[in-house]
N, C-alpha and C. Protein backbone atom coordinates (compact mmCIF):
# COMPACT_ATOMS: atom_id res chain seq x y z
N MET A 1 1.24 -17.51 -20.23
CA MET A 1 1.24 -16.40 -21.11
C MET A 1 2.36 -15.70 -21.78
N SER A 2 3.61 -17.42 -22.30
CA SER A 2 4.71 -16.82 -22.77
C SER A 2 4.63 -16.11 -23.88
N ASN A 3 3.60 -15.70 -24.30
CA ASN A 3 3.63 -14.94 -26.46
C ASN A 3 4.53 -13.91 -26.49
N PRO A 4 5.73 -13.52 -26.98
CA PRO A 4 6.36 -12.97 -26.82
C PRO A 4 5.57 -11.55 -27.33
N LEU A 5 4.80 -11.35 -28.83
CA LEU A 5 4.22 -9.90 -28.89
C LEU A 5 2.75 -9.61 -27.81
N ILE A 6 2.09 -10.79 -26.95
CA ILE A 6 1.30 -9.68 -25.70
C ILE A 6 2.47 -8.99 -24.86
N ARG A 7 3.84 -9.94 -24.32
CA ARG A 7 4.72 -9.05 -23.86
C ARG A 7 5.08 -8.01 -23.96
N SER A 8 5.57 -7.79 -25.15
CA SER A 8 5.81 -6.49 -26.14
C SER A 8 4.40 -5.79 -25.82
N LEU A 9 2.99 -6.02 -25.91
CA LEU A 9 2.36 -4.70 -25.66
C LEU A 9 1.94 -4.73 -24.36
N ILE A 10 2.14 -5.63 -23.71
CA ILE A 10 2.16 -4.75 -22.40
C ILE A 10 2.71 -4.17 -21.60
N ARG A 11 4.37 -4.49 -22.22
CA ARG A 11 5.67 -3.55 -21.76
C ARG A 11 5.05 -2.11 -22.40
N THR A 12 4.98 -2.45 -23.79
CA THR A 12 4.80 -0.68 -24.69
C THR A 12 3.62 -0.23 -24.20
N ARG A 13 2.24 -0.74 -23.73
CA ARG A 13 1.41 -0.08 -22.63
C ARG A 13 1.79 0.37 -21.89
N PHE A 14 2.51 0.15 -20.84
CA PHE A 14 3.12 0.54 -19.56
C PHE A 14 3.81 1.64 -20.08
N LEU A 15 4.72 1.71 -20.54
CA LEU A 15 5.59 2.79 -21.10
C LEU A 15 5.25 4.13 -21.47
N LEU A 16 3.75 3.63 -22.23
CA LEU A 16 2.37 4.86 -22.95
C LEU A 16 1.75 5.23 -21.73
N THR A 17 1.22 4.58 -20.45
CA THR A 17 0.94 5.26 -18.95
C THR A 17 1.33 6.00 -18.39
N SER A 18 0.77 7.17 -18.24
CA SER A 18 1.48 7.91 -17.23
C SER A 18 0.84 7.55 -15.44
N ARG A 19 1.62 7.71 -14.82
CA ARG A 19 1.22 7.95 -13.26
C ARG A 19 -0.07 8.11 -12.95
N GLU A 20 -0.65 8.88 -13.40
CA GLU A 20 -2.14 9.02 -12.99
C GLU A 20 -2.74 8.42 -13.81
N ALA A 21 -2.91 7.66 -14.89
CA ALA A 21 -3.57 6.74 -15.45
C ALA A 21 -3.19 5.69 -14.60
N ALA A 22 -2.69 5.53 -14.23
CA ALA A 22 -2.36 4.10 -13.51
C ALA A 22 -2.90 4.57 -12.80
N SER A 23 -2.85 5.01 -11.76
CA SER A 23 -3.73 5.08 -10.70
C SER A 23 -5.45 5.23 -10.84
N ALA A 24 -5.25 6.69 -11.57
CA ALA A 24 -7.46 6.70 -12.39
C ALA A 24 -7.69 4.84 -12.37
N THR A 25 -6.91 4.11 -13.51
CA THR A 25 -7.42 2.85 -13.84
C THR A 25 -7.78 1.57 -12.84
N ILE A 26 -6.70 1.87 -11.56
CA ILE A 26 -7.11 1.37 -10.34
C ILE A 26 -8.08 1.43 -9.70
N ARG A 27 -8.07 2.94 -9.92
CA ARG A 27 -9.49 3.43 -8.81
C ARG A 27 -10.73 2.93 -9.44
N LYS A 28 -10.35 2.95 -10.31
CA LYS A 28 -11.77 2.36 -11.31
C LYS A 28 -11.86 1.24 -11.29
N HIS A 29 -11.52 0.33 -11.17
CA HIS A 29 -11.48 -0.96 -10.78
C HIS A 29 -12.15 -1.33 -9.61
N ALA A 30 -11.59 -0.81 -8.59
CA ALA A 30 -12.04 -0.80 -7.30
C ALA A 30 -12.86 -1.32 -7.07
N GLU A 31 -13.50 0.16 -7.73
CA GLU A 31 -14.69 0.66 -7.67
C GLU A 31 -15.87 -0.03 -8.30
N CYS A 32 -15.49 -1.19 -9.11
CA CYS A 32 -16.32 -2.20 -9.69
C CYS A 32 -16.35 -3.46 -8.54
N TYR A 33 -15.00 -3.17 -8.35
CA TYR A 33 -14.86 -4.90 -7.30
C TYR A 33 -16.23 -4.30 -6.23
N GLY A 34 -15.93 -3.15 -5.38
CA GLY A 34 -17.13 -2.56 -4.65
C GLY A 34 -18.33 -2.83 -4.75
N ASP A 35 -18.38 -2.53 -6.30
CA ASP A 35 -20.37 -2.61 -6.54
C ASP A 35 -20.65 -4.21 -7.04
N LEU A 36 -19.54 -5.17 -7.27
CA LEU A 36 -19.86 -6.62 -7.05
C LEU A 36 -19.86 -6.67 -6.15
N ALA A 37 -19.48 -6.09 -5.45
CA ALA A 37 -19.24 -6.99 -3.41
C ALA A 37 -20.82 -6.90 -3.41
N GLY A 38 -21.62 -5.43 -3.29
CA GLY A 38 -22.83 -5.08 -3.29
C GLY A 38 -24.31 -5.81 -4.06
N ARG A 39 -23.40 -6.65 -4.79
CA ARG A 39 -24.47 -7.36 -5.76
C ARG A 39 -24.32 -9.10 -5.31
N PHE A 40 -23.58 -9.32 -4.68
CA PHE A 40 -23.19 -10.47 -4.06
C PHE A 40 -23.61 -10.67 -2.84
N GLY A 41 -24.73 -11.65 -2.47
CA GLY A 41 -24.85 -11.45 -0.74
C GLY A 41 -23.80 -12.49 -0.25
N SER A 42 -23.44 -12.50 1.03
CA SER A 42 -22.26 -13.01 1.63
C SER A 42 -22.68 -14.60 1.88
N GLU A 43 -23.60 -15.17 1.46
CA GLU A 43 -23.33 -17.06 0.86
C GLU A 43 -22.68 -16.98 -0.08
N SER A 44 -22.88 -16.29 -1.71
CA SER A 44 -23.22 -16.57 -2.64
C SER A 44 -21.30 -15.92 -3.18
N ALA A 45 -21.29 -14.98 -2.32
CA ALA A 45 -19.89 -14.84 -2.10
C ALA A 45 -18.51 -15.49 -1.69
N MET A 46 -19.55 -16.52 -1.27
CA MET A 46 -18.41 -17.83 -0.49
C MET A 46 -18.35 -19.03 -1.37
N GLU A 47 -19.48 -19.07 -2.48
CA GLU A 47 -19.46 -20.24 -3.12
C GLU A 47 -18.39 -20.08 -3.93
N PRO A 48 -17.54 -21.01 -4.12
CA PRO A 48 -16.20 -21.34 -5.55
C PRO A 48 -17.29 -21.64 -6.74
N ILE A 49 -17.06 -20.92 -7.85
CA ILE A 49 -17.28 -21.52 -8.78
C ILE A 49 -16.77 -21.66 -9.90
N THR A 50 -16.41 -22.55 -11.06
CA THR A 50 -15.85 -22.54 -11.86
C THR A 50 -16.42 -21.55 -13.05
N VAL A 51 -14.85 -21.10 -13.59
CA VAL A 51 -15.26 -20.15 -14.67
C VAL A 51 -14.72 -21.13 -16.23
N PRO A 52 -15.24 -20.41 -17.14
CA PRO A 52 -14.09 -20.91 -18.16
C PRO A 52 -12.93 -20.30 -18.43
N PRO A 53 -11.45 -21.26 -19.09
CA PRO A 53 -10.51 -20.40 -19.17
C PRO A 53 -10.88 -19.28 -19.30
N MET A 54 -9.97 -17.91 -18.94
CA MET A 54 -9.43 -16.68 -19.36
C MET A 54 -8.32 -16.55 -19.16
N ILE A 55 -7.99 -15.30 -19.90
CA ILE A 55 -6.85 -14.58 -19.99
C ILE A 55 -6.22 -14.28 -18.43
N GLY A 56 -5.18 -14.73 -17.82
CA GLY A 56 -4.89 -13.94 -17.04
C GLY A 56 -4.98 -14.41 -15.76
N VAL A 57 -6.35 -16.02 -16.31
CA VAL A 57 -6.44 -16.48 -14.67
C VAL A 57 -6.26 -18.13 -14.70
N ASP A 58 -5.23 -18.80 -14.06
CA ASP A 58 -4.51 -19.77 -14.30
C ASP A 58 -5.19 -21.19 -13.82
N PRO A 59 -5.14 -22.32 -14.55
CA PRO A 59 -5.72 -22.78 -14.37
C PRO A 59 -6.41 -23.37 -12.62
N GLU A 60 -6.03 -23.09 -12.06
CA GLU A 60 -5.48 -23.62 -10.33
C GLU A 60 -6.55 -22.43 -9.29
N MET A 61 -6.58 -21.10 -10.46
CA MET A 61 -7.11 -20.38 -9.59
C MET A 61 -9.10 -19.65 -10.42
N ARG A 62 -9.13 -20.91 -11.58
CA ARG A 62 -10.58 -20.81 -12.16
C ARG A 62 -11.69 -21.23 -11.18
N GLY A 63 -11.71 -22.01 -9.93
CA GLY A 63 -12.72 -22.51 -9.17
C GLY A 63 -12.70 -21.20 -7.61
N TRP A 64 -12.58 -20.54 -8.22
CA TRP A 64 -12.64 -19.48 -6.80
C TRP A 64 -13.80 -18.97 -6.46
N SER A 65 -13.89 -18.48 -5.53
CA SER A 65 -15.26 -17.30 -4.73
C SER A 65 -14.81 -16.11 -4.94
N PHE A 66 -16.08 -15.24 -4.98
CA PHE A 66 -15.67 -13.57 -5.29
C PHE A 66 -14.41 -13.42 -3.87
N PHE A 67 -14.87 -13.85 -2.99
CA PHE A 67 -13.89 -13.51 -1.49
C PHE A 67 -12.58 -14.21 -1.65
N GLN A 68 -12.63 -15.15 -1.92
CA GLN A 68 -11.05 -15.67 -2.29
C GLN A 68 -10.67 -14.76 -3.74
N ILE A 69 -10.90 -14.44 -4.40
CA ILE A 69 -10.46 -13.53 -5.47
C ILE A 69 -10.21 -12.18 -4.87
N LEU A 70 -10.93 -11.37 -3.84
CA LEU A 70 -10.88 -10.75 -3.64
C LEU A 70 -9.33 -10.34 -2.28
N GLU A 71 -9.34 -11.82 -1.84
CA GLU A 71 -8.01 -12.28 -0.88
C GLU A 71 -7.12 -12.55 -1.83
N HIS A 72 -7.22 -13.09 -2.85
CA HIS A 72 -6.13 -13.09 -3.88
C HIS A 72 -5.54 -11.63 -4.21
N ASN A 73 -6.08 -11.05 -4.44
CA ASN A 73 -5.91 -9.81 -4.88
C ASN A 73 -5.39 -8.64 -3.91
N ALA A 74 -5.96 -8.84 -3.05
CA ALA A 74 -5.11 -8.13 -1.67
C ALA A 74 -3.81 -8.46 -1.64
N ILE A 75 -3.64 -9.75 -1.49
CA ILE A 75 -1.95 -10.73 -1.50
C ILE A 75 -1.45 -9.75 -2.40
N VAL A 76 -1.70 -10.14 -3.57
CA VAL A 76 -0.68 -9.51 -4.64
C VAL A 76 -0.66 -7.80 -4.90
N ASN A 77 -1.99 -7.31 -4.36
CA ASN A 77 -1.74 -5.82 -3.98
C ASN A 77 -0.64 -5.14 -3.65
N ARG A 78 -0.46 -6.18 -1.98
CA ARG A 78 -0.04 -6.21 -1.00
C ARG A 78 1.73 -6.30 -1.43
N SER A 79 2.10 -7.14 -2.52
CA SER A 79 3.26 -7.34 -2.82
C SER A 79 3.53 -6.68 -3.31
N ILE A 80 2.81 -6.11 -4.61
CA ILE A 80 3.33 -5.06 -5.48
C ILE A 80 3.40 -3.55 -5.26
N THR A 81 2.54 -3.17 -3.81
CA THR A 81 2.76 -2.17 -3.49
C THR A 81 4.58 -2.00 -2.74
N ALA A 82 4.86 -3.10 -1.95
CA ALA A 82 5.94 -3.06 -1.19
C ALA A 82 7.47 -3.12 -2.26
N MET A 83 7.31 -3.63 -3.72
CA MET A 83 7.67 -3.62 -5.13
C MET A 83 8.23 -2.39 -5.27
N VAL A 84 6.92 -1.70 -5.26
CA VAL A 84 7.26 -0.23 -6.34
C VAL A 84 7.75 0.79 -5.20
N GLU A 85 7.40 0.22 -3.54
CA GLU A 85 8.04 1.39 -3.02
C GLU A 85 9.70 0.93 -2.78
N ALA A 86 9.81 -0.20 -2.75
CA ALA A 86 11.48 -0.28 -2.81
C ALA A 86 12.08 0.52 -3.62
N LEU A 87 11.68 -0.48 -4.92
CA LEU A 87 12.47 0.07 -6.28
C LEU A 87 12.52 1.93 -6.75
N SER A 88 11.20 2.74 -5.91
CA SER A 88 10.73 3.78 -5.90
C SER A 88 12.17 4.46 -5.00
N LEU A 89 12.42 4.03 -3.57
CA LEU A 89 13.22 4.92 -3.10
C LEU A 89 14.61 4.13 -3.36
N GLY A 90 14.71 3.15 -4.34
CA GLY A 90 15.88 2.98 -4.19
C GLY A 90 17.09 1.41 -2.95
N LYS A 91 15.76 0.90 -2.80
CA LYS A 91 15.88 0.12 -1.71
C LYS A 91 16.04 -1.43 -2.49
N GLU A 92 16.45 -2.13 -2.23
CA GLU A 92 16.42 -3.97 -2.23
C GLU A 92 15.21 -4.01 -1.94
N PRO A 93 14.26 -4.97 -2.94
CA PRO A 93 13.18 -5.24 -2.30
C PRO A 93 13.16 -6.32 -1.34
N SER A 94 12.46 -6.51 -0.78
CA SER A 94 12.25 -7.64 0.58
C SER A 94 10.80 -7.71 1.47
N GLY A 95 10.86 -8.48 2.14
CA GLY A 95 8.97 -8.86 2.60
C GLY A 95 8.31 -9.35 2.12
N ALA A 96 7.10 -8.72 1.77
CA ALA A 96 6.23 -8.63 1.15
C ALA A 96 6.24 -8.50 -0.36
N ALA A 97 7.56 -7.81 -1.03
CA ALA A 97 7.78 -8.21 -2.18
C ALA A 97 7.95 -9.10 -3.08
N LEU A 98 8.46 -9.77 -1.95
CA LEU A 98 9.69 -11.39 -2.70
C LEU A 98 8.58 -12.35 -2.30
N ILE A 99 7.29 -12.32 -3.06
CA ILE A 99 6.37 -13.67 -2.60
C ILE A 99 6.88 -14.80 -4.08
N ASN A 100 6.40 -16.11 -3.85
CA ASN A 100 6.61 -17.01 -4.55
C ASN A 100 4.86 -16.96 -5.79
N PRO A 101 4.73 -16.32 -6.86
CA PRO A 101 3.90 -16.37 -7.40
C PRO A 101 3.11 -17.54 -7.98
N LYS A 102 4.39 -18.97 -7.71
CA LYS A 102 3.76 -20.12 -7.74
C LYS A 102 2.96 -20.78 -6.02
N THR A 103 2.93 -19.78 -5.39
CA THR A 103 2.68 -20.78 -3.77
C THR A 103 2.26 -19.57 -3.26
N ASP A 104 2.55 -18.78 -2.93
CA ASP A 104 1.69 -17.50 -2.06
C ASP A 104 0.69 -17.01 -2.12
N VAL A 105 0.19 -16.76 -3.43
CA VAL A 105 -0.21 -15.85 -3.98
C VAL A 105 -2.32 -16.36 -3.65
N PHE A 106 -2.02 -17.48 -3.38
CA PHE A 106 -3.00 -18.30 -3.15
C PHE A 106 -4.52 -17.53 -1.70
N PRO A 107 -5.93 -17.84 -2.03
CA PRO A 107 -6.40 -17.92 -0.76
C PRO A 107 -6.06 -18.97 0.54
N LYS A 108 -6.01 -18.64 1.63
CA LYS A 108 -6.02 -19.22 2.76
C LYS A 108 -7.07 -20.52 3.34
N GLY A 109 -8.51 -20.15 2.55
CA GLY A 109 -9.31 -20.72 2.34
C GLY A 109 -10.18 -20.18 3.58
N LEU A 110 -9.89 -18.88 4.31
CA LEU A 110 -10.82 -18.52 5.43
C LEU A 110 -11.68 -17.20 5.03
N SER A 111 -12.27 -17.48 3.55
CA SER A 111 -12.66 -16.03 2.77
C SER A 111 -13.95 -15.25 2.75
N GLY A 112 -13.99 -14.52 3.73
CA GLY A 112 -15.50 -14.49 3.85
C GLY A 112 -15.32 -12.40 3.98
N SER A 113 -16.13 -12.69 4.12
CA SER A 113 -16.79 -10.85 4.19
C SER A 113 -15.75 -9.81 4.72
N GLU A 114 -14.77 -10.48 5.23
CA GLU A 114 -13.45 -9.12 5.91
C GLU A 114 -12.94 -9.29 4.59
N GLN A 115 -13.09 -10.47 3.49
CA GLN A 115 -11.81 -10.14 2.42
C GLN A 115 -12.22 -8.26 1.78
N VAL A 116 -13.62 -7.56 1.80
CA VAL A 116 -13.73 -6.61 0.91
C VAL A 116 -13.66 -5.81 1.67
N GLU A 117 -13.37 -5.31 3.36
CA GLU A 117 -12.24 -4.04 3.67
C GLU A 117 -11.02 -4.52 3.12
N ALA A 118 -10.26 -5.92 3.57
CA ALA A 118 -8.92 -6.28 3.55
C ALA A 118 -8.58 -5.33 1.78
N PHE A 119 -9.11 -5.80 0.90
CA PHE A 119 -9.15 -5.26 -0.66
C PHE A 119 -8.86 -4.28 -0.47
N HIS A 120 -10.20 -3.84 -0.03
CA HIS A 120 -10.05 -2.02 -0.17
C HIS A 120 -8.73 -1.64 0.59
N SER A 121 -8.43 -2.08 1.99
CA SER A 121 -7.42 -1.18 2.57
C SER A 121 -6.02 -1.46 1.07
N SER A 122 -5.91 -2.74 0.58
CA SER A 122 -4.53 -2.75 -0.07
C SER A 122 -4.34 -1.61 -1.53
N VAL A 123 -5.76 -1.52 -1.84
CA VAL A 123 -5.87 -0.61 -2.81
C VAL A 123 -5.87 0.61 -2.07
N GLU A 124 -6.61 0.90 -1.29
CA GLU A 124 -6.15 2.66 -0.73
C GLU A 124 -4.73 2.79 -0.13
N ASP A 125 -4.20 1.94 0.44
CA ASP A 125 -2.26 2.11 1.14
C ASP A 125 -1.64 2.20 -0.36
N HIS A 126 -1.57 1.53 -1.35
CA HIS A 126 -1.19 1.58 -2.57
C HIS A 126 -1.27 3.02 -2.92
N LEU A 127 -2.12 3.28 -3.40
CA LEU A 127 -3.11 4.87 -3.89
C LEU A 127 -2.26 5.53 -2.82
N ALA A 128 -2.44 5.89 -1.21
CA ALA A 128 -1.98 6.79 -0.95
C ALA A 128 -0.74 6.92 -1.02
N MET A 129 0.24 5.45 -0.96
CA MET A 129 1.88 5.10 -0.57
C MET A 129 2.66 5.86 -2.38
N ILE A 130 1.82 6.14 -3.35
CA ILE A 130 2.09 6.24 -4.84
C ILE A 130 1.77 7.77 -4.44
N ALA A 131 1.59 8.16 -4.18
CA ALA A 131 1.60 9.60 -4.01
C ALA A 131 2.04 10.74 -3.60
N ARG A 132 3.00 9.51 -2.50
CA ARG A 132 4.10 10.50 -1.93
C ARG A 132 5.90 9.68 -2.15
N LEU A 133 5.83 8.94 -3.21
CA LEU A 133 6.85 8.77 -4.10
C LEU A 133 7.77 9.78 -5.10
N PRO A 134 8.73 9.76 -4.99
CA PRO A 134 9.64 10.17 -5.77
C PRO A 134 9.69 9.80 -7.43
N SER A 135 10.27 9.83 -8.57
CA SER A 135 9.48 9.15 -9.36
C SER A 135 9.81 7.75 -9.52
N LEU A 136 8.90 7.15 -10.08
CA LEU A 136 8.79 5.54 -10.77
C LEU A 136 9.53 5.04 -11.69
N ARG A 137 9.44 6.16 -13.22
CA ARG A 137 10.48 5.38 -14.22
C ARG A 137 11.54 5.57 -13.77
N GLY A 138 12.36 4.72 -14.39
CA GLY A 138 13.69 4.84 -14.58
C GLY A 138 14.37 4.07 -13.43
N THR A 139 13.64 3.24 -12.25
CA THR A 139 14.27 2.91 -11.39
C THR A 139 15.05 1.65 -11.55
N ASP A 140 15.76 1.10 -10.95
CA ASP A 140 16.45 -0.35 -10.79
C ASP A 140 15.19 -1.54 -11.16
N GLU A 141 15.24 -2.62 -11.63
CA GLU A 141 13.84 -3.43 -12.05
C GLU A 141 13.94 -4.07 -11.38
N ARG A 142 12.87 -5.66 -11.39
CA ARG A 142 13.00 -6.77 -10.96
C ARG A 142 11.59 -7.28 -11.56
N PRO A 143 12.05 -8.78 -12.18
CA PRO A 143 11.20 -9.26 -13.05
C PRO A 143 9.59 -9.47 -12.35
N HIS A 144 9.26 -9.79 -13.69
CA HIS A 144 7.65 -9.60 -13.04
C HIS A 144 7.56 -11.39 -13.71
N PRO A 145 6.97 -12.70 -13.26
CA PRO A 145 7.06 -13.88 -13.58
C PRO A 145 6.84 -13.64 -15.07
N VAL A 146 5.52 -13.10 -15.55
CA VAL A 146 5.49 -13.14 -17.07
C VAL A 146 6.08 -12.35 -18.07
N PHE A 147 6.16 -11.20 -17.75
CA PHE A 147 6.62 -10.41 -18.69
C PHE A 147 7.82 -9.42 -18.14
N GLY A 148 8.74 -10.32 -17.83
CA GLY A 148 10.16 -9.60 -17.61
C GLY A 148 10.21 -8.86 -16.68
N PRO A 149 11.12 -8.06 -16.65
CA PRO A 149 11.59 -6.94 -15.68
C PRO A 149 11.23 -5.81 -16.24
N PHE A 150 10.68 -5.60 -14.81
CA PHE A 150 9.61 -4.00 -14.30
C PHE A 150 10.38 -3.29 -14.42
N ASP A 151 10.49 -1.61 -13.63
CA ASP A 151 10.74 -0.45 -13.06
C ASP A 151 9.60 -0.73 -12.08
N ALA A 152 9.60 0.73 -11.65
CA ALA A 152 8.88 0.99 -10.46
C ALA A 152 7.09 1.12 -11.01
N HIS A 153 7.46 1.47 -12.10
CA HIS A 153 6.52 2.36 -12.32
C HIS A 153 5.64 1.53 -13.70
N LYS A 154 6.63 0.06 -13.91
CA LYS A 154 5.70 -1.29 -15.00
C LYS A 154 4.76 -2.06 -13.81
N TRP A 155 5.55 -2.01 -12.24
CA TRP A 155 4.86 -2.53 -11.47
C TRP A 155 3.59 -1.54 -11.04
N HIS A 156 3.59 -0.45 -11.03
CA HIS A 156 2.43 0.56 -10.56
C HIS A 156 0.96 -0.20 -11.58
N CYS A 157 1.38 0.02 -13.11
CA CYS A 157 0.29 0.02 -13.99
C CYS A 157 0.02 -1.43 -13.95
N MET A 158 1.21 -2.84 -13.15
CA MET A 158 0.71 -4.28 -13.17
C MET A 158 -0.55 -4.50 -12.39
N PHE A 159 -0.45 -3.33 -11.49
CA PHE A 159 -1.61 -3.48 -10.19
C PHE A 159 -3.10 -3.27 -10.73
N GLY A 160 -3.11 -2.33 -11.44
CA GLY A 160 -4.65 -2.62 -12.55
C GLY A 160 -5.08 -2.98 -13.15
N LEU A 161 -3.58 -3.64 -14.25
CA LEU A 161 -4.04 -4.71 -15.20
C LEU A 161 -4.52 -5.98 -14.88
N HIS A 162 -3.62 -6.49 -12.73
CA HIS A 162 -4.20 -7.61 -12.62
C HIS A 162 -5.69 -7.69 -11.64
N LEU A 163 -5.60 -5.78 -11.45
CA LEU A 163 -7.01 -5.95 -10.95
C LEU A 163 -8.01 -6.67 -11.80
N GLY A 164 -7.85 -5.59 -13.26
CA GLY A 164 -9.13 -6.07 -14.58
C GLY A 164 -9.00 -7.06 -14.39
N LEU A 165 -8.54 -8.19 -14.59
CA LEU A 165 -8.40 -9.27 -15.15
C LEU A 165 -9.05 -9.93 -13.90
N HIS A 166 -8.65 -10.11 -12.79
CA HIS A 166 -9.56 -11.07 -11.68
C HIS A 166 -11.21 -10.28 -11.79
N LEU A 167 -10.94 -8.71 -12.24
CA LEU A 167 -12.26 -8.85 -12.37
C LEU A 167 -13.58 -8.97 -13.44
N HIS A 168 -12.65 -9.40 -14.64
CA HIS A 168 -13.43 -9.68 -15.66
C HIS A 168 -14.04 -11.44 -14.47
N GLN A 169 -13.46 -11.63 -14.14
CA GLN A 169 -13.10 -12.89 -13.46
C GLN A 169 -14.67 -12.74 -12.55
N ALA A 170 -14.57 -12.31 -11.86
CA ALA A 170 -15.72 -11.71 -11.01
C ALA A 170 -17.08 -11.92 -11.38
N ARG A 171 -16.86 -11.04 -12.26
CA ARG A 171 -18.08 -10.86 -13.13
C ARG A 171 -18.65 -11.85 -13.87
N LYS A 172 -17.96 -12.84 -14.43
CA LYS A 172 -18.20 -14.07 -14.94
C LYS A 172 -18.76 -14.72 -13.30
N ILE A 173 -18.11 -14.91 -12.47
CA ILE A 173 -18.93 -15.97 -11.28
C ILE A 173 -19.99 -15.60 -10.91
N LEU A 174 -20.46 -13.64 -10.94
CA LEU A 174 -21.99 -13.45 -10.51
C LEU A 174 -22.86 -13.36 -12.15
N SER A 175 -22.47 -13.81 -13.16
CA SER A 175 -23.09 -13.96 -14.19
C SER A 175 -23.82 -15.68 -13.86
N LEU A 176 -23.09 -16.51 -13.83
CA LEU A 176 -22.60 -17.59 -13.66
C LEU A 176 -23.90 -18.00 -12.06
N LEU A 177 -23.93 -17.27 -11.19
CA LEU A 177 -25.00 -17.92 -9.80
C LEU A 177 -26.13 -17.36 -10.47
N HIS A 178 -26.70 -16.06 -10.96
CA HIS A 178 -27.76 -15.83 -11.56
C HIS A 178 -28.03 -16.33 -12.53
N LYS A 179 -27.71 -17.55 -13.00
CA LYS A 179 -28.21 -18.00 -14.61
C LYS A 179 -29.35 -18.69 -13.84
C-alpha cells in the first residue's frame, strides 16, 4: 500500500482526529472483537481460514485463525503503546516499540483462547496509558513502515486503524466458517 493518495488520506484523517475520537474507535473495535470471540467456538477460533485479498492484510496474514489475529493484534498493540509512550514523554523508543514489521508481528503458533485476554489487556493497557500522557501532538516522529513519519498522536490513531483492518478479516473468517 505505497499509494501516495492513500498515504496522504490516512495522514490527513489522523490530523483531523482528536485523541478522544481515536480512543473511542479503539474501544468500539475492541468491543466488536469481544462480540466475535463469543460467536466463535474454541475449536473454530483456532481454525486457520484463508480470506480473499483485503486492504491492510498482507498475503502471508490471510490464512490465520481468529486467535492468531488476536495474538497479532496484541503484539502490534504493545508495540504501538510503547512507541506512543516514548514519543509523548520525549524518550527514545526502545524495547517493544522497535519491532520489525516483517518478522516480529506474526503469531508464534500457540494461539488459543488465552489470546482473548492478551488482546483485551493490550487494549486496556493502551487506553489507560493514553489517559495519563501529556500532549501527543507535535512530538518527535518515528516512521510507520507504510505511512511515513508519525508523532505520538498519529501512532495512537494507527492503533485503531490497525484493529479495524483485522476486524474486517475476523468477520470474514466467521462468515466463511458458517457457510
